[in-house]
Protein backbone atom coordinates (compact mmCIF):
# COMPACT_ATOMS: atom_id res chain seq x y z
CA MET A 1 114.27 74.98 -50.41
CA PHE A 2 115.24 78.42 -48.87
CA PRO A 3 118.96 78.48 -49.18
CA SER A 4 119.28 82.05 -48.14
CA LEU A 5 116.61 82.07 -45.70
CA SER A 6 117.11 79.27 -43.12
CA PRO A 7 114.83 79.55 -40.01
CA SER A 8 117.63 80.86 -37.93
CA ARG A 9 118.05 83.86 -40.23
CA TRP A 10 114.34 84.59 -40.75
CA PRO A 11 113.51 88.19 -39.72
CA ARG A 12 112.04 88.33 -36.16
CA ARG A 13 108.50 89.00 -37.09
CA TRP A 14 108.16 86.23 -39.67
CA PRO A 15 107.35 83.47 -37.21
CA LEU A 16 104.62 85.86 -35.86
CA TRP A 17 103.11 86.11 -39.28
CA ILE A 18 103.29 82.34 -39.84
CA ALA A 19 101.54 81.67 -36.50
CA LEU A 20 98.64 84.21 -37.55
CA GLY A 21 98.28 82.46 -40.91
CA PHE A 22 97.98 79.00 -39.25
CA ILE A 23 95.29 80.48 -36.91
CA LEU A 24 93.48 81.88 -39.79
CA ARG A 25 93.49 78.59 -41.65
CA LEU A 26 92.55 76.69 -38.50
CA TYR A 27 89.41 79.14 -38.18
CA PHE A 28 88.23 78.11 -41.70
CA ILE A 29 88.79 74.47 -40.98
CA TRP A 30 86.71 74.45 -37.88
CA SER A 31 83.90 76.88 -39.26
CA PRO A 32 80.94 75.14 -40.88
CA ARG A 33 81.64 74.76 -44.63
CA THR A 34 79.68 72.95 -47.31
CA ILE A 35 81.50 70.20 -49.24
CA ASP A 36 81.49 70.51 -52.95
CA ASP A 37 79.99 67.52 -54.85
CA ASP A 38 83.19 67.37 -56.97
CA THR A 39 84.97 66.34 -53.80
CA TRP A 40 83.10 62.99 -53.83
CA ASP A 41 83.82 62.41 -57.62
CA TYR A 42 87.47 63.01 -56.84
CA LEU A 43 87.34 60.64 -53.97
CA GLU A 44 85.54 57.82 -55.96
CA LEU A 45 88.13 58.09 -58.81
CA GLY A 46 91.09 57.89 -56.35
CA ARG A 47 89.65 55.00 -54.28
CA ASN A 48 88.75 53.05 -57.56
CA LEU A 49 92.33 53.40 -58.69
CA LEU A 50 93.59 52.62 -55.14
CA HIS A 51 91.54 49.58 -54.70
CA HIS A 52 90.75 48.26 -58.14
CA TRP A 53 93.50 49.83 -60.34
CA VAL A 54 90.91 51.47 -62.47
CA TYR A 55 90.77 55.24 -62.67
CA GLY A 56 87.09 55.80 -63.23
CA LEU A 57 83.64 56.29 -61.62
CA GLY A 58 81.15 53.58 -60.61
CA SER A 59 81.41 50.24 -58.80
CA GLY A 60 81.23 46.58 -59.48
CA ASP A 61 80.23 45.91 -63.14
CA ASP A 62 79.43 49.62 -63.71
CA LEU A 63 83.13 50.48 -62.95
CA ALA A 64 84.81 51.77 -66.26
CA PRO A 65 87.84 53.91 -66.88
CA SER A 66 87.21 57.59 -67.41
CA LEU A 67 88.97 60.75 -68.53
CA PHE A 68 87.01 62.78 -65.95
CA ARG A 69 89.37 64.93 -64.02
CA LEU A 70 93.13 64.78 -63.77
CA PRO A 71 94.82 62.17 -61.25
CA ALA A 72 96.67 64.13 -58.77
CA TYR A 73 93.95 65.32 -56.41
CA PRO A 74 91.93 62.18 -56.49
CA ILE A 75 94.98 60.13 -55.55
CA LEU A 76 95.65 62.64 -52.71
CA LEU A 77 92.06 62.34 -51.42
CA ALA A 78 92.09 58.47 -51.60
CA VAL A 79 95.49 58.32 -49.78
CA PHE A 80 94.11 60.40 -46.85
CA ASN A 81 90.87 58.58 -46.76
CA GLN A 82 92.65 55.35 -46.61
CA LEU A 83 95.18 56.57 -43.94
CA PHE A 84 92.60 58.40 -41.74
CA GLY A 85 89.22 57.04 -42.88
CA SER A 86 88.68 55.31 -39.41
CA LEU A 87 88.60 58.65 -37.63
CA PRO A 88 85.13 59.70 -36.44
CA HIS A 89 83.18 62.56 -37.94
CA SER A 90 84.94 62.56 -41.21
CA GLY A 91 88.27 63.18 -39.47
CA TRP A 92 90.13 62.22 -42.65
CA LEU A 93 89.00 65.48 -44.13
CA VAL A 94 90.21 67.31 -41.24
CA ALA A 95 93.62 65.68 -41.62
CA LEU A 96 93.54 66.57 -45.31
CA TYR A 97 92.90 70.23 -44.52
CA LEU A 98 95.67 70.35 -41.93
CA PHE A 99 97.98 69.10 -44.59
CA GLN A 100 96.71 71.57 -47.08
CA SER A 101 97.28 74.44 -44.39
CA VAL A 102 100.91 73.37 -44.12
CA ILE A 103 101.26 73.33 -47.94
CA ASP A 104 99.58 76.77 -48.05
CA ILE A 105 101.92 78.22 -45.38
CA VAL A 106 105.00 76.81 -47.34
CA GLY A 107 103.60 78.57 -50.38
CA CYS A 108 103.42 81.74 -48.56
CA LEU A 109 107.05 81.38 -47.42
CA LEU A 110 108.00 80.82 -50.94
CA LEU A 111 106.47 84.08 -51.95
CA ALA A 112 108.29 85.74 -49.10
CA ALA A 113 111.43 84.35 -50.07
CA PHE A 114 110.92 85.52 -53.69
CA GLY A 115 110.14 89.08 -52.34
CA TYR A 116 113.14 88.83 -49.96
CA ARG A 117 115.71 87.66 -52.50
CA PHE A 118 114.71 89.53 -55.56
CA ILE A 119 113.17 92.74 -54.41
CA SER A 120 114.07 93.71 -50.84
CA PRO A 121 113.96 92.30 -47.22
CA ARG A 122 110.99 94.69 -46.54
CA ALA A 123 109.21 93.25 -49.64
CA GLY A 124 109.76 89.81 -48.43
CA GLU A 125 108.05 90.53 -45.07
CA ILE A 126 105.17 92.32 -46.78
CA ALA A 127 104.65 89.42 -49.16
CA LEU A 128 104.55 87.03 -46.21
CA ALA A 129 101.97 89.16 -44.42
CA LEU A 130 99.77 89.56 -47.59
CA ALA A 131 99.97 85.92 -48.35
CA VAL A 132 99.19 84.35 -44.83
CA LEU A 133 96.46 86.87 -44.11
CA CYS A 134 94.86 86.63 -47.56
CA PRO A 135 91.31 85.24 -46.57
CA PHE A 136 90.74 83.92 -50.08
CA THR A 137 93.61 81.70 -50.41
CA ALA A 138 93.55 80.81 -46.76
CA ALA A 139 89.88 79.50 -47.04
CA GLU A 140 90.86 77.22 -49.73
CA ALA A 141 93.06 75.10 -47.37
CA GLY A 142 89.83 74.21 -45.64
CA THR A 143 88.31 72.81 -48.81
CA ALA A 144 88.75 69.55 -50.45
CA MET A 145 89.16 71.08 -54.04
CA THR A 146 92.30 71.57 -56.18
CA GLU A 147 92.72 75.32 -55.52
CA CYS A 148 95.01 75.19 -52.62
CA LEU A 149 97.53 72.87 -54.25
CA SER A 150 97.22 74.84 -57.55
CA ILE A 151 98.04 78.08 -55.66
CA PHE A 152 101.04 76.40 -54.20
CA ALA A 153 102.17 75.12 -57.44
CA VAL A 154 102.18 78.69 -58.92
CA SER A 155 104.07 79.98 -55.90
CA LEU A 156 106.81 77.28 -56.27
CA GLY A 157 106.99 77.84 -59.90
CA ILE A 158 107.67 81.54 -59.67
CA TYR A 159 109.98 81.20 -56.73
CA ALA A 160 112.07 78.66 -58.76
CA ALA A 161 111.92 80.64 -61.88
CA GLY A 162 113.23 83.60 -59.89
CA ARG A 163 116.22 81.53 -58.75
CA ILE A 164 117.11 80.48 -62.23
CA LEU A 165 116.88 84.05 -63.59
CA SER A 166 118.67 85.45 -60.69
CA ALA A 167 121.68 83.28 -61.32
CA GLU A 168 121.61 84.12 -64.95
CA ALA A 169 121.41 87.94 -64.24
CA ALA A 170 124.29 87.60 -61.97
CA GLY A 171 126.39 86.27 -64.88
CA LEU A 172 127.20 82.89 -63.24
CA HIS A 173 128.52 80.21 -65.47
CA PHE A 174 126.41 77.22 -64.09
CA VAL A 175 122.79 76.69 -64.27
CA ASP A 176 120.86 76.31 -60.93
CA THR A 177 119.86 72.73 -61.75
CA ARG A 178 117.85 72.37 -58.52
CA ALA A 179 115.84 75.36 -59.36
CA VAL A 180 115.10 74.09 -62.82
CA ILE A 181 113.91 70.81 -61.43
CA LEU A 182 111.75 72.57 -58.72
CA ALA A 183 110.24 74.71 -61.55
CA GLY A 184 109.45 71.68 -63.60
CA CYS A 185 108.02 69.89 -60.72
CA ALA A 186 105.73 72.88 -60.02
CA SER A 187 104.53 72.83 -63.56
CA ALA A 188 103.88 69.22 -63.48
CA LEU A 189 101.84 69.49 -60.35
CA ALA A 190 99.82 72.17 -61.78
CA MET A 191 99.01 70.39 -64.90
CA LEU A 192 98.18 67.11 -62.98
CA LEU A 193 95.86 68.98 -60.85
CA ARG A 194 93.85 71.06 -63.50
CA PRO A 195 93.92 71.50 -67.24
CA ASP A 196 94.52 75.22 -66.82
CA GLY A 197 97.68 74.38 -65.01
CA ALA A 198 99.33 74.17 -68.51
CA LEU A 199 99.29 77.98 -68.51
CA LEU A 200 102.03 78.00 -65.79
CA SER A 201 104.12 75.78 -67.84
CA VAL A 202 103.83 78.01 -70.94
CA ALA A 203 104.41 81.12 -68.91
CA LEU A 204 107.53 79.85 -67.23
CA ALA A 205 108.98 78.23 -70.37
CA ALA A 206 108.54 81.40 -72.30
CA GLY A 207 109.84 83.61 -69.49
CA LEU A 208 112.95 81.52 -68.99
CA PHE A 209 113.80 81.43 -72.75
CA PHE A 210 113.20 85.13 -73.24
CA TYR A 211 114.93 86.43 -70.08
CA ILE A 212 117.93 84.09 -70.13
CA LEU A 213 118.50 84.97 -73.86
CA ARG A 214 118.17 88.64 -73.27
CA GLY A 215 120.02 88.63 -69.93
CA ARG A 216 123.31 86.76 -70.97
CA ALA A 217 126.15 89.01 -71.80
CA GLU A 218 127.58 86.32 -74.21
CA PRO A 219 129.63 87.86 -76.95
CA ASN A 220 128.28 84.91 -79.02
CA PHE A 221 124.67 84.96 -79.74
CA ARG A 222 124.88 81.29 -80.43
CA LEU A 223 126.26 80.61 -77.00
CA ALA A 224 123.40 82.60 -75.48
CA LEU A 225 120.84 80.78 -77.49
CA ARG A 226 122.22 77.50 -76.50
CA ARG A 227 122.14 78.36 -72.84
CA SER A 228 118.59 79.42 -73.03
CA LEU A 229 117.59 76.52 -75.10
CA THR A 230 119.26 74.02 -72.81
CA THR A 231 117.82 75.42 -69.61
CA THR A 232 114.28 75.69 -70.99
CA SER A 233 114.45 72.17 -72.41
CA ILE A 234 115.51 70.77 -69.14
CA TYR A 235 112.62 72.42 -67.47
CA CYS A 236 110.07 71.30 -70.04
CA ALA A 237 111.27 67.65 -69.84
CA VAL A 238 110.78 67.69 -66.03
CA ALA A 239 107.42 69.39 -66.31
CA LEU A 240 106.01 66.99 -69.12
CA ALA A 241 107.52 63.65 -67.91
CA PRO A 242 104.56 62.84 -65.33
CA LEU A 243 102.19 64.10 -67.79
CA ALA A 244 103.62 61.58 -70.33
CA VAL A 245 102.38 58.88 -68.09
CA TRP A 246 98.73 60.07 -68.05
CA THR A 247 98.85 60.72 -71.87
CA LEU A 248 100.01 57.12 -72.46
CA ARG A 249 97.23 55.71 -70.41
CA ASN A 250 94.63 57.75 -72.25
CA TRP A 251 95.96 56.53 -75.47
CA ILE A 252 96.15 52.86 -74.43
CA THR A 253 92.71 52.88 -72.87
CA PHE A 254 90.81 55.21 -75.08
CA LYS A 255 92.85 55.54 -78.26
CA VAL A 256 92.67 59.18 -78.06
CA PHE A 257 95.51 61.86 -77.56
CA GLN A 258 94.57 63.62 -74.49
CA PRO A 259 97.38 65.13 -72.38
CA LEU A 260 95.12 66.87 -70.07
CA ALA A 261 91.32 66.46 -69.33
CA PRO A 262 88.42 67.29 -71.90
CA ARG A 263 86.76 70.68 -71.46
CA TYR A 264 83.44 69.28 -70.86
CA LEU A 265 84.45 66.33 -68.91
CA GLY A 266 83.13 63.66 -71.28
CA ASP A 267 84.71 60.40 -72.14
CA PRO A 268 85.05 59.18 -75.79
CA GLY A 269 81.45 58.50 -77.18
CA ASP A 270 79.84 60.88 -74.66
CA ARG A 271 78.00 63.93 -76.00
CA ALA A 272 78.58 67.22 -74.43
CA ASN A 273 75.97 70.01 -74.58
CA VAL A 274 78.23 72.18 -76.64
CA GLY A 275 75.23 74.08 -78.21
CA VAL A 276 73.77 74.97 -74.82
CA TYR A 277 77.04 76.00 -73.52
CA ARG A 278 77.73 78.32 -76.48
CA TRP A 279 74.28 79.90 -76.14
CA ILE A 280 75.03 80.67 -72.44
CA ARG A 281 78.38 82.26 -73.54
CA THR A 282 76.30 84.67 -75.75
CA TRP A 283 74.97 86.41 -72.64
CA SER A 284 76.55 85.11 -69.43
CA VAL A 285 78.75 87.33 -67.24
CA GLU A 286 77.77 87.10 -63.59
CA TYR A 287 78.52 84.22 -61.20
CA THR A 288 74.81 84.29 -60.30
CA SER A 289 74.06 83.04 -63.87
CA THR A 290 76.36 80.31 -63.36
CA ALA A 291 74.45 79.36 -60.03
CA VAL A 292 71.00 79.50 -61.43
CA VAL A 293 71.48 78.40 -65.12
CA PHE A 294 74.84 76.76 -65.85
CA TRP A 295 74.76 74.53 -62.86
CA GLN A 296 71.14 73.59 -63.47
CA VAL A 297 71.63 72.09 -67.00
CA GLY A 298 70.86 68.39 -66.84
CA VAL A 299 70.14 68.71 -63.10
CA GLY A 300 66.99 70.92 -62.59
CA PRO A 301 64.63 73.33 -64.11
CA ILE A 302 65.85 76.65 -65.46
CA ASP A 303 63.72 79.65 -64.59
CA PRO A 304 63.23 82.01 -67.60
CA ASP A 305 63.04 84.82 -65.25
CA ASP A 306 66.70 84.20 -64.23
CA LEU A 307 67.85 85.10 -67.66
CA PRO A 308 69.13 88.77 -68.11
CA ALA A 309 67.61 91.21 -70.68
CA ARG A 310 70.79 90.83 -72.75
CA ALA A 311 69.76 87.01 -73.42
CA PHE A 312 67.31 88.43 -75.95
CA ASP A 313 67.92 90.59 -78.83
CA SER A 314 64.24 90.83 -79.99
CA PRO A 315 60.73 89.72 -79.11
CA ASP A 316 60.86 86.92 -81.65
CA GLN A 317 64.10 85.67 -80.18
CA ARG A 318 62.74 85.94 -76.67
CA ALA A 319 59.82 83.68 -77.63
CA GLN A 320 62.19 81.32 -79.43
CA THR A 321 64.42 81.16 -76.33
CA LEU A 322 61.45 80.55 -73.81
CA ALA A 323 60.04 77.79 -76.17
CA LEU A 324 63.47 76.10 -76.02
CA LEU A 325 63.57 76.43 -72.21
CA ASP A 326 60.04 75.17 -71.73
CA GLU A 327 61.02 72.08 -73.72
CA TYR A 328 64.00 71.46 -71.58
CA ASN A 329 61.99 72.12 -68.40
CA HIS A 330 59.56 69.39 -69.46
CA THR A 331 62.32 66.67 -69.39
CA ILE A 332 65.31 68.10 -67.47
CA SER A 333 67.40 66.91 -69.99
CA VAL A 334 69.10 68.06 -73.24
CA SER A 335 68.56 65.82 -76.40
CA ALA A 336 71.00 66.01 -79.30
CA ASP A 337 68.22 67.90 -81.27
CA LEU A 338 67.53 70.42 -78.57
CA ASP A 339 71.24 70.98 -78.01
CA HIS A 340 71.43 71.55 -81.88
CA ARG A 341 68.71 74.27 -81.77
CA PHE A 342 70.39 76.03 -78.82
CA GLY A 343 73.61 75.95 -80.85
CA ALA A 344 71.69 77.48 -83.86
CA LEU A 345 70.31 80.30 -81.62
CA ALA A 346 73.78 81.08 -80.27
CA ALA A 347 75.05 81.21 -84.06
CA GLU A 348 72.36 83.77 -84.75
CA ARG A 349 73.25 85.71 -81.76
CA ILE A 350 76.92 85.70 -82.40
CA HIS A 351 76.39 86.57 -86.07
CA ALA A 352 74.41 89.66 -85.10
CA HIS A 353 76.84 90.94 -82.49
CA PRO A 354 80.22 89.52 -82.89
CA PHE A 355 82.01 92.23 -80.89
CA ARG A 356 79.60 91.52 -78.02
CA TYR A 357 80.46 87.79 -78.18
CA TYR A 358 84.18 87.87 -78.70
CA VAL A 359 85.13 91.04 -76.84
CA ALA A 360 82.60 92.76 -74.63
CA LEU A 361 81.20 89.70 -72.70
CA PRO A 362 84.67 87.93 -72.26
CA LEU A 363 85.99 91.22 -70.74
CA ALA A 364 82.92 91.37 -68.51
CA ARG A 365 83.32 87.83 -67.34
CA ILE A 366 87.07 88.34 -66.45
CA ALA A 367 86.01 91.47 -64.57
CA ASP A 368 83.28 89.57 -62.71
CA MET A 369 85.78 86.68 -61.70
CA MET A 370 88.47 89.11 -60.62
CA PHE A 371 86.43 91.69 -58.57
CA ARG A 372 83.20 90.08 -57.37
CA PRO A 373 83.05 89.43 -53.58
CA ARG A 374 84.05 85.74 -53.19
CA THR A 375 80.92 84.61 -51.54
CA GLU A 376 81.29 80.89 -52.58
CA GLU A 377 84.29 80.72 -50.14
CA PHE A 378 82.60 81.83 -47.22
CA ASN A 379 79.10 80.27 -47.40
CA LEU A 380 77.67 83.81 -48.23
CA GLU A 381 74.37 84.26 -50.13
CA VAL A 382 75.02 84.41 -53.93
CA PHE A 383 72.70 87.35 -54.13
CA TRP A 384 74.61 89.22 -51.45
CA TRP A 385 73.56 92.86 -52.26
CA PRO A 386 70.07 93.14 -51.01
CA PRO A 387 70.97 94.19 -47.39
CA SER A 388 67.27 93.99 -46.30
CA ASP A 389 67.34 90.23 -46.89
CA HIS A 390 70.68 89.55 -45.08
CA PRO A 391 72.28 92.69 -43.68
CA ALA A 392 75.18 90.91 -42.10
CA GLN A 393 76.14 88.82 -45.14
CA THR A 394 75.88 92.10 -47.37
CA VAL A 395 78.44 93.80 -45.11
CA TRP A 396 80.84 90.84 -45.14
CA ALA A 397 80.47 90.57 -48.90
CA ILE A 398 81.19 94.25 -49.20
CA LEU A 399 84.24 93.93 -46.99
CA PHE A 400 85.72 90.76 -48.98
CA GLY A 401 85.13 92.77 -52.19
CA LEU A 402 87.25 95.60 -50.92
CA ILE A 403 89.90 93.31 -49.66
CA ASN A 404 89.97 91.67 -53.07
CA LEU A 405 90.01 95.05 -54.84
CA PHE A 406 93.04 96.07 -52.77
CA TYR A 407 95.19 92.97 -53.89
CA VAL A 408 94.29 93.45 -57.59
CA ALA A 409 94.62 97.27 -57.57
CA ALA A 410 97.90 97.19 -55.72
CA ALA A 411 99.43 94.53 -58.10
CA ALA A 412 98.12 96.55 -61.15
CA TRP A 413 99.82 99.53 -59.79
CA ALA A 414 103.07 97.75 -59.27
CA PHE A 415 103.22 96.45 -62.93
CA LEU A 416 102.34 100.11 -64.14
CA ARG A 417 105.13 101.44 -62.05
CA ARG A 418 107.54 98.65 -63.43
CA ARG A 419 108.29 97.41 -59.90
CA VAL A 420 107.64 93.75 -60.57
CA PRO A 421 110.62 91.42 -61.23
CA TRP A 422 110.41 89.81 -64.60
CA PRO A 423 107.11 91.34 -65.56
CA TRP A 424 106.70 89.73 -68.83
CA MET A 425 106.92 86.30 -67.29
CA LEU A 426 104.53 87.10 -64.35
CA GLY A 427 102.31 89.43 -66.10
CA GLY A 428 102.13 86.90 -68.95
CA TYR A 429 100.85 84.26 -66.78
CA ILE A 430 98.04 86.64 -65.54
CA LEU A 431 97.26 87.55 -69.14
CA LEU A 432 97.02 83.97 -70.31
CA ARG A 433 94.73 83.20 -67.50
CA CYS A 434 92.52 86.06 -68.29
CA LEU A 435 92.19 84.95 -71.75
CA LEU A 436 91.18 81.56 -70.71
CA LEU A 437 88.68 82.82 -68.29
CA GLY A 438 87.11 84.94 -70.91
CA THR A 439 86.19 81.93 -72.91
CA MET A 440 84.30 80.22 -70.04
CA GLU A 441 80.60 80.25 -69.82
CA ASN A 442 80.50 79.50 -66.12
CA SER A 443 81.86 82.65 -64.45
CA GLU A 444 83.38 81.42 -60.94
CA PRO A 445 85.52 83.75 -59.06
CA ARG A 446 87.68 80.86 -57.61
CA TYR A 447 89.21 80.49 -61.17
CA SER A 448 91.11 83.76 -60.66
CA LEU A 449 92.68 82.46 -57.20
CA GLU A 450 95.83 81.09 -59.05
CA CYS A 451 96.64 84.75 -59.99
CA PHE A 452 96.98 85.75 -56.27
CA PRO A 453 100.58 84.64 -55.74
CA ILE A 454 101.62 87.04 -58.49
CA PHE A 455 99.26 89.76 -56.96
CA ILE A 456 100.99 89.25 -53.73
CA VAL A 457 104.48 89.57 -54.97
CA ALA A 458 103.55 92.54 -57.11
CA ALA A 459 101.74 94.36 -54.19
CA ALA A 460 104.80 93.56 -51.94
CA ALA A 461 107.03 95.28 -54.52
CA VAL A 462 104.96 98.49 -54.74
CA LEU A 463 104.17 98.72 -51.01
CA SER A 464 107.74 98.21 -49.83
CA GLY A 465 108.87 101.34 -51.97
CA SER A 466 111.44 99.29 -53.80
CA LYS A 467 112.63 100.79 -56.99
CA ARG A 468 114.02 97.89 -58.96
CA MET A 469 114.80 94.00 -58.62
CA ARG A 470 117.99 93.17 -56.81
CA VAL A 471 119.90 89.98 -57.63
CA ALA A 472 120.50 87.85 -54.74
CA PRO A 473 124.06 86.46 -54.16
CA SER A 474 124.44 82.77 -55.08
């Protein structure tokens, strides 16, 4: 995987950074952590597929096929549960976390190899240090959720794409087929883990096509176009082949064309609370709103006092909103009629303030997901800022916020100074992800973690003082 960086040729400090990275991940594994409810849904899906050949939730007569979640992570959980389920005290989860830690460290080495080969040796070491010591990505190795493998898929994708484009920039007459297959596998993994993994496929496909077409010194444009199309087509074929199996399964089972997973996790015939979610998007910004409102829909009561002032445009609208919430709180359910009335309220607010809905609030949600202290990864209080309630947690939250700001600010500075290799491809992925995050009503900082491999590479480029990309020898 690292043809120019075999372990015998690693810089002397690299093993030290790797050891520190493992120690940090072991700390998170053995620290008390809460297990997300989604983990048990993933496990149930995987076990039903493994034991009953039905990818669905439920048991016995209630077991039915489902579109709920993509299959890669449920299968992984089921395999680890099957192999290590006999270990005491949920030992199979510890085995899973150790596996994820190894995968995460490999992803860190991929980023280091990217920096070493395409920027400078110093950038490679800085990238490794920033990657292995990043507390946000390291914490995900000790969580039974898709983020750890999704981050790895991005790291593998940009490393493989760098190898392809490096060979093209050097004017070589052959395509790095192994790198093309690696890039396709990375994109396939990303899409089989999460629907937003498709963003990696789009960014890499566009980047490969654009940079190969622009970088080839072919005297004949048709030859350059043919080479660009050939490489991109092979990449897309590898990336989409595993997804075709999932798409075919959904068509045979449900008679729907569903290559990924539905946005609101419903199966055909299920009704999603689209009106309620649209209403939430007319005012939601903070992660706290996700915790006290979005996650409560259909689960528990919603306290009107938890709504911010921007949820109401007038006293009449406030009264209307409180009446709808009161009706919901009586049954803790959203009927079709109630959902329709929430949707009508959302339409009224959007018509009155289109700029707020389509521009201001999405930008605010993106900023919240990028810069808010990542309290959910460290069992810190969601309302972290009142120091009188929990002084230690407030200090930790501020510290994590500053660390997060460092990664994002250093990456932004690198892009502004034009120090990032293939900036339209790497920056394009971040832009696509930000556009997607802006459309979501449930602001959660963990959704921006897939940007960190690019943040790390960009920060390493500017911190190393490198002026431009260097093409590694074949």
